[in-house]
Amino acid sequence: MAHHFKIKKNKAGEFVAYFMYNSEPIFWTEGYKSKASAKNAIASVQKNGPEAETVDES
């Protein structure tokens, strides 16, 4: 499993969605009060991410 999403609870008890690659977090969401909200965030990234443009600000 090279890359996957993971939902974990943070110290504040909120649900955070992580995008993992080779067991390392690449990015993560804000904390959500419900697991359903974290799952919705994952679904949004899966739906909208492939069409997102890359902006180079270098």
Protein backbone atom coordinates (compact mmCIF):
# COMPACT_ATOMS: atom_id res chain seq x y z
CA MET A 1 0.00 0.00 0.00
CA ALA A 2 2.19 2.84 -1.29
CA HIS A 3 -0.35 5.61 -0.74
CA HIS A 4 -3.63 5.82 1.13
CA PHE A 5 -5.81 7.99 3.33
CA LYS A 6 -5.87 7.53 7.09
CA ILE A 7 -8.21 9.02 9.70
CA LYS A 8 -6.79 9.56 13.18
CA LYS A 9 -7.81 11.50 16.28
CA ASN A 10 -5.62 14.40 17.35
CA LYS A 11 -4.87 15.46 20.94
CA ALA A 12 -8.00 17.64 20.97
CA GLY A 13 -10.15 14.61 20.11
CA GLU A 14 -10.87 15.79 16.58
CA PHE A 15 -10.76 13.58 13.48
CA VAL A 16 -7.99 14.41 11.01
CA ALA A 17 -7.66 12.91 7.52
CA TYR A 18 -4.09 12.21 6.39
CA PHE A 19 -2.81 11.36 2.93
CA MET A 20 0.00 8.89 3.44
CA TYR A 21 2.77 7.83 1.04
CA ASN A 22 5.20 5.08 2.09
CA SER A 23 3.97 5.41 5.69
CA GLU A 24 4.74 9.15 5.77
CA PRO A 25 2.06 11.88 5.93
CA ILE A 26 2.17 14.03 2.80
CA PHE A 27 -0.70 16.34 3.81
CA TRP A 28 -3.53 16.44 6.31
CA THR A 29 -6.77 18.26 6.94
CA GLU A 30 -7.92 20.44 9.76
CA GLY A 31 -9.53 18.69 12.72
CA TYR A 32 -13.20 17.75 12.42
CA LYS A 33 -15.67 17.03 15.20
CA SER A 34 -17.09 13.98 13.41
CA LYS A 35 -15.53 11.10 11.51
CA ALA A 36 -18.13 11.64 8.78
CA SER A 37 -16.73 15.14 8.16
CA ALA A 38 -13.21 13.73 7.82
CA LYS A 39 -14.53 11.14 5.36
CA ASN A 40 -16.24 13.96 3.40
CA ALA A 41 -12.91 15.80 3.22
CA ILE A 42 -11.28 12.68 1.76
CA ALA A 43 -14.09 12.30 -0.77
CA SER A 44 -13.67 15.95 -1.80
CA VAL A 45 -9.93 15.51 -2.41
CA GLN A 46 -10.55 12.33 -4.39
CA LYS A 47 -13.21 14.05 -6.51
CA ASN A 48 -11.58 17.46 -7.04
CA GLY A 49 -7.87 16.66 -6.76
CA PRO A 50 -7.31 15.08 -10.18
CA GLU A 51 -8.55 18.23 -11.91
CA ALA A 52 -6.63 20.71 -9.75
CA GLU A 53 -4.08 22.82 -11.56
CA THR A 54 -0.50 23.19 -10.35
CA VAL A 55 0.55 26.76 -9.57
CA ASP A 56 4.31 27.34 -9.61
CA GLU A 57 5.19 30.36 -7.45
CA SER A 58 8.96 29.89 -7.56
